[in-house]
Amino acid sequence: MTYYVLVENGKQGSYTATVLGWPDCTAQGATRQEALARLRQALITRLAQAEIVPLEIEHPPSGHPWLKFAGMFKDDPLFDDVLAEIEAYRRELDADDAAI
């Protein structure tokens, strides 16, 4: 298996290697190679005591994302006026497009 590792220069010439996606799986060394060797050993030890398995989880159907907003302005006294303004603006745009 291939794991991607972030190798960082630390203070005073030390190196830190971290497996990407596993922030708690790190190792340090005086050289880049030493940090990687220590990380490899730590990862081998960790994986020997565990296993990686795929886990599929079905998401419950959430419906349309905008459905929760349906009817939110039903009691707003200005809603009909807003709809009339939108309709008038759309007619104006349609007239402009037809004139082109």
N, C-alpha and C. Protein backbone atom coordinates (compact mmCIF):
# COMPACT_ATOMS: atom_id res chain seq x y z
N MET A 1 0.84 -1.18 0.00
CA MET A 1 0.00 0.00 0.00
C MET A 1 0.88 1.24 0.00
N THR A 2 0.42 2.28 -0.62
CA THR A 2 1.17 3.53 -0.65
C THR A 2 0.51 4.54 0.27
N TYR A 3 1.31 5.16 1.10
CA TYR A 3 0.85 6.22 1.99
C TYR A 3 1.62 7.48 1.65
N TYR A 4 0.94 8.58 1.61
CA TYR A 4 1.59 9.85 1.35
C TYR A 4 2.00 10.48 2.67
N VAL A 5 3.23 10.98 2.69
CA VAL A 5 3.82 11.46 3.93
C VAL A 5 4.29 12.90 3.75
N LEU A 6 3.99 13.70 4.74
CA LEU A 6 4.47 15.08 4.79
C LEU A 6 5.75 15.08 5.61
N VAL A 7 6.86 15.53 4.99
CA VAL A 7 8.13 15.62 5.69
C VAL A 7 8.44 17.10 5.88
N GLU A 8 8.66 17.48 7.14
CA GLU A 8 8.91 18.88 7.46
C GLU A 8 10.27 19.04 8.13
N ASN A 9 10.94 20.13 7.78
CA ASN A 9 12.18 20.49 8.47
C ASN A 9 11.80 21.08 9.81
N GLY A 10 12.34 20.52 10.85
CA GLY A 10 12.05 21.02 12.19
C GLY A 10 13.14 21.95 12.67
N LYS A 11 13.11 22.23 13.94
CA LYS A 11 14.11 23.09 14.54
C LYS A 11 15.43 22.35 14.67
N GLN A 12 16.51 23.06 14.51
CA GLN A 12 17.86 22.55 14.69
C GLN A 12 18.14 21.32 13.86
N GLY A 13 17.67 21.32 12.62
CA GLY A 13 18.00 20.26 11.69
C GLY A 13 17.26 18.95 11.86
N SER A 14 16.24 18.91 12.69
CA SER A 14 15.46 17.68 12.83
C SER A 14 14.37 17.65 11.78
N TYR A 15 13.82 16.46 11.57
CA TYR A 15 12.76 16.28 10.58
C TYR A 15 11.58 15.59 11.25
N THR A 16 10.38 15.97 10.80
CA THR A 16 9.15 15.33 11.25
C THR A 16 8.43 14.77 10.04
N ALA A 17 8.01 13.51 10.12
CA ALA A 17 7.27 12.86 9.04
C ALA A 17 5.89 12.50 9.58
N THR A 18 4.85 12.85 8.81
CA THR A 18 3.47 12.60 9.21
C THR A 18 2.72 11.96 8.05
N VAL A 19 2.00 10.87 8.34
CA VAL A 19 1.17 10.25 7.31
C VAL A 19 -0.03 11.15 7.08
N LEU A 20 -0.24 11.58 5.84
CA LEU A 20 -1.37 12.47 5.52
C LEU A 20 -2.68 11.74 5.79
N GLY A 21 -3.56 12.43 6.46
CA GLY A 21 -4.84 11.85 6.82
C GLY A 21 -4.81 11.16 8.18
N TRP A 22 -3.62 10.94 8.72
CA TRP A 22 -3.44 10.32 10.04
C TRP A 22 -2.57 11.25 10.88
N PRO A 23 -3.10 12.34 11.36
CA PRO A 23 -2.27 13.34 12.06
C PRO A 23 -1.61 12.81 13.32
N ASP A 24 -2.12 11.71 13.88
CA ASP A 24 -1.50 11.17 15.09
C ASP A 24 -0.42 10.13 14.77
N CYS A 25 -0.13 9.93 13.50
CA CYS A 25 0.90 8.98 13.09
C CYS A 25 2.10 9.76 12.57
N THR A 26 3.00 10.11 13.50
CA THR A 26 4.16 10.92 13.16
C THR A 26 5.43 10.30 13.73
N ALA A 27 6.55 10.73 13.19
CA ALA A 27 7.86 10.30 13.70
C ALA A 27 8.85 11.42 13.45
N GLN A 28 9.87 11.47 14.30
CA GLN A 28 10.92 12.48 14.14
C GLN A 28 12.26 11.80 14.00
N GLY A 29 13.18 12.50 13.35
CA GLY A 29 14.53 11.98 13.19
C GLY A 29 15.50 13.11 12.92
N ALA A 30 16.76 12.80 13.08
CA ALA A 30 17.80 13.80 12.84
C ALA A 30 17.96 14.07 11.35
N THR A 31 17.61 13.07 10.52
CA THR A 31 17.67 13.24 9.06
C THR A 31 16.31 12.90 8.47
N ARG A 32 16.14 13.26 7.22
CA ARG A 32 14.90 12.94 6.52
C ARG A 32 14.70 11.43 6.47
N GLN A 33 15.77 10.70 6.13
CA GLN A 33 15.69 9.25 6.02
C GLN A 33 15.36 8.60 7.37
N GLU A 34 15.93 9.13 8.44
CA GLU A 34 15.66 8.58 9.77
C GLU A 34 14.20 8.80 10.16
N ALA A 35 13.67 9.98 9.89
CA ALA A 35 12.27 10.26 10.20
C ALA A 35 11.35 9.34 9.41
N LEU A 36 11.66 9.12 8.13
CA LEU A 36 10.84 8.22 7.31
C LEU A 36 10.95 6.78 7.78
N ALA A 37 12.15 6.34 8.16
CA ALA A 37 12.32 4.97 8.65
C ALA A 37 11.55 4.76 9.95
N ARG A 38 11.60 5.73 10.84
CA ARG A 38 10.86 5.62 12.09
C ARG A 38 9.35 5.63 11.85
N LEU A 39 8.92 6.46 10.90
CA LEU A 39 7.49 6.50 10.57
C LEU A 39 7.04 5.18 9.96
N ARG A 40 7.87 4.62 9.09
CA ARG A 40 7.55 3.33 8.47
C ARG A 40 7.37 2.26 9.56
N GLN A 41 8.29 2.22 10.52
CA GLN A 41 8.20 1.24 11.58
C GLN A 41 6.96 1.47 12.46
N ALA A 42 6.68 2.73 12.76
CA ALA A 42 5.49 3.04 13.58
C ALA A 42 4.22 2.63 12.85
N LEU A 43 4.17 2.87 11.55
CA LEU A 43 2.99 2.50 10.76
C LEU A 43 2.85 0.99 10.66
N ILE A 44 3.95 0.27 10.47
CA ILE A 44 3.91 -1.20 10.41
C ILE A 44 3.41 -1.76 11.73
N THR A 45 3.93 -1.21 12.84
CA THR A 45 3.51 -1.66 14.17
C THR A 45 2.02 -1.39 14.38
N ARG A 46 1.58 -0.23 13.98
CA ARG A 46 0.17 0.14 14.17
C ARG A 46 -0.75 -0.74 13.34
N LEU A 47 -0.39 -0.96 12.07
CA LEU A 47 -1.23 -1.75 11.19
C LEU A 47 -1.21 -3.23 11.55
N ALA A 48 -0.16 -3.70 12.23
CA ALA A 48 -0.11 -5.10 12.65
C ALA A 48 -1.15 -5.38 13.72
N GLN A 49 -1.56 -4.36 14.43
CA GLN A 49 -2.54 -4.52 15.50
C GLN A 49 -3.94 -4.10 15.08
N ALA A 50 -4.10 -3.77 13.82
CA ALA A 50 -5.39 -3.27 13.34
C ALA A 50 -5.59 -3.70 11.90
N GLU A 51 -6.71 -3.30 11.34
CA GLU A 51 -6.97 -3.54 9.92
C GLU A 51 -7.75 -2.37 9.34
N ILE A 52 -7.57 -2.19 8.07
CA ILE A 52 -8.31 -1.14 7.36
C ILE A 52 -9.40 -1.84 6.56
N VAL A 53 -10.63 -1.46 6.80
CA VAL A 53 -11.76 -2.07 6.10
C VAL A 53 -12.63 -0.97 5.51
N PRO A 54 -13.23 -1.23 4.36
CA PRO A 54 -14.17 -0.24 3.81
C PRO A 54 -15.49 -0.31 4.56
N LEU A 55 -16.06 0.81 4.81
CA LEU A 55 -17.34 0.87 5.52
C LEU A 55 -18.27 1.76 4.70
N GLU A 56 -19.33 1.17 4.20
CA GLU A 56 -20.30 1.94 3.43
C GLU A 56 -21.49 2.29 4.31
N ILE A 57 -21.85 3.54 4.27
CA ILE A 57 -22.98 4.03 5.05
C ILE A 57 -23.95 4.68 4.09
N GLU A 58 -25.19 4.23 4.12
CA GLU A 58 -26.20 4.83 3.26
C GLU A 58 -26.74 6.09 3.92
N HIS A 59 -26.75 7.13 3.14
CA HIS A 59 -27.29 8.39 3.65
C HIS A 59 -28.81 8.38 3.50
N PRO A 60 -29.52 8.77 4.52
CA PRO A 60 -30.97 8.81 4.38
C PRO A 60 -31.35 9.87 3.34
N PRO A 61 -32.38 9.61 2.57
CA PRO A 61 -32.79 10.61 1.58
C PRO A 61 -33.18 11.90 2.28
N SER A 62 -32.59 12.98 1.82
CA SER A 62 -32.85 14.26 2.47
C SER A 62 -33.88 15.09 1.72
N GLY A 63 -34.30 14.63 0.57
CA GLY A 63 -35.24 15.43 -0.21
C GLY A 63 -34.52 16.58 -0.89
N HIS A 64 -35.28 17.42 -1.49
CA HIS A 64 -34.70 18.56 -2.19
C HIS A 64 -34.14 19.55 -1.18
N PRO A 65 -32.92 20.06 -1.41
CA PRO A 65 -32.30 20.95 -0.42
C PRO A 65 -33.06 22.26 -0.20
N TRP A 66 -33.87 22.67 -1.14
CA TRP A 66 -34.59 23.92 -0.99
C TRP A 66 -35.97 23.71 -0.37
N LEU A 67 -36.36 22.47 -0.17
CA LEU A 67 -37.68 22.17 0.33
C LEU A 67 -37.95 22.80 1.70
N LYS A 68 -36.91 22.91 2.51
CA LYS A 68 -37.09 23.49 3.84
C LYS A 68 -37.47 24.97 3.78
N PHE A 69 -37.24 25.62 2.63
CA PHE A 69 -37.58 27.02 2.49
C PHE A 69 -38.97 27.25 1.90
N ALA A 70 -39.60 26.18 1.43
CA ALA A 70 -40.91 26.31 0.80
C ALA A 70 -41.93 26.85 1.81
N GLY A 71 -42.63 27.89 1.42
CA GLY A 71 -43.68 28.46 2.25
C GLY A 71 -43.20 29.37 3.36
N MET A 72 -41.92 29.69 3.40
CA MET A 72 -41.42 30.50 4.51
C MET A 72 -41.95 31.94 4.48
N PHE A 73 -42.44 32.41 3.34
CA PHE A 73 -42.97 33.77 3.25
C PHE A 73 -44.50 33.80 3.09
N LYS A 74 -45.17 32.69 3.38
CA LYS A 74 -46.60 32.60 3.14
C LYS A 74 -47.41 33.62 3.95
N ASP A 75 -46.93 34.03 5.09
CA ASP A 75 -47.66 35.00 5.92
C ASP A 75 -47.12 36.42 5.78
N ASP A 76 -46.19 36.62 4.87
CA ASP A 76 -45.61 37.95 4.68
C ASP A 76 -46.57 38.79 3.83
N PRO A 77 -47.03 39.93 4.34
CA PRO A 77 -48.01 40.74 3.59
C PRO A 77 -47.42 41.36 2.32
N LEU A 78 -46.12 41.44 2.21
CA LEU A 78 -45.49 42.04 1.04
C LEU A 78 -45.12 41.02 -0.04
N PHE A 79 -45.35 39.75 0.24
CA PHE A 79 -44.91 38.70 -0.68
C PHE A 79 -45.56 38.83 -2.06
N ASP A 80 -46.85 39.09 -2.10
CA ASP A 80 -47.54 39.23 -3.39
C ASP A 80 -46.99 40.41 -4.18
N ASP A 81 -46.64 41.49 -3.48
CA ASP A 81 -46.04 42.65 -4.16
C ASP A 81 -44.68 42.29 -4.76
N VAL A 82 -43.89 41.52 -4.02
CA VAL A 82 -42.57 41.10 -4.51
C VAL A 82 -42.74 40.22 -5.74
N LEU A 83 -43.69 39.28 -5.70
CA LEU A 83 -43.93 38.42 -6.86
C LEU A 83 -44.36 39.24 -8.08
N ALA A 84 -45.18 40.26 -7.86
CA ALA A 84 -45.62 41.11 -8.97
C ALA A 84 -44.44 41.87 -9.56
N GLU A 85 -43.53 42.35 -8.73
CA GLU A 85 -42.34 43.06 -9.21
C GLU A 85 -41.43 42.12 -10.01
N ILE A 86 -41.28 40.89 -9.53
CA ILE A 86 -40.46 39.92 -10.25
C ILE A 86 -41.07 39.62 -11.61
N GLU A 87 -42.37 39.43 -11.64
CA GLU A 87 -43.05 39.14 -12.90
C GLU A 87 -42.91 40.30 -13.88
N ALA A 88 -43.07 41.53 -13.40
CA ALA A 88 -42.92 42.70 -14.27
C ALA A 88 -41.50 42.80 -14.80
N TYR A 89 -40.51 42.54 -13.97
CA TYR A 89 -39.12 42.62 -14.40
C TYR A 89 -38.82 41.55 -15.45
N ARG A 90 -39.35 40.35 -15.26
CA ARG A 90 -39.14 39.29 -16.24
C ARG A 90 -39.78 39.64 -17.58
N ARG A 91 -40.96 40.22 -17.52
CA ARG A 91 -41.61 40.64 -18.79
C ARG A 91 -40.79 41.70 -19.48
N GLU A 92 -40.22 42.62 -18.72
CA GLU A 92 -39.36 43.67 -19.28
C GLU A 92 -38.12 43.06 -19.94
N LEU A 93 -37.51 42.08 -19.29
CA LEU A 93 -36.35 41.41 -19.87
C LEU A 93 -36.72 40.65 -21.13
N ASP A 94 -37.86 39.98 -21.10
CA ASP A 94 -38.32 39.24 -22.28
C ASP A 94 -38.57 40.20 -23.44
N ALA A 95 -39.13 41.36 -23.17
CA ALA A 95 -39.40 42.36 -24.21
C ALA A 95 -38.08 42.87 -24.79
N ASP A 96 -37.10 43.08 -23.92
CA ASP A 96 -35.78 43.54 -24.39
C ASP A 96 -35.12 42.48 -25.28
N ASP A 97 -35.23 41.21 -24.89
CA ASP A 97 -34.67 40.12 -25.69
C ASP A 97 -35.37 40.01 -27.04
N ALA A 98 -36.67 40.20 -27.06
CA ALA A 98 -37.43 40.11 -28.32
C ALA A 98 -37.07 41.26 -29.25
N ALA A 99 -36.67 42.41 -28.71
CA ALA A 99 -36.33 43.56 -29.52
C ALA A 99 -34.96 43.42 -30.18
N ILE A 100 -34.15 42.52 -29.67
CA ILE A 100 -32.78 42.35 -30.21
C ILE A 100 -32.76 41.56 -31.44
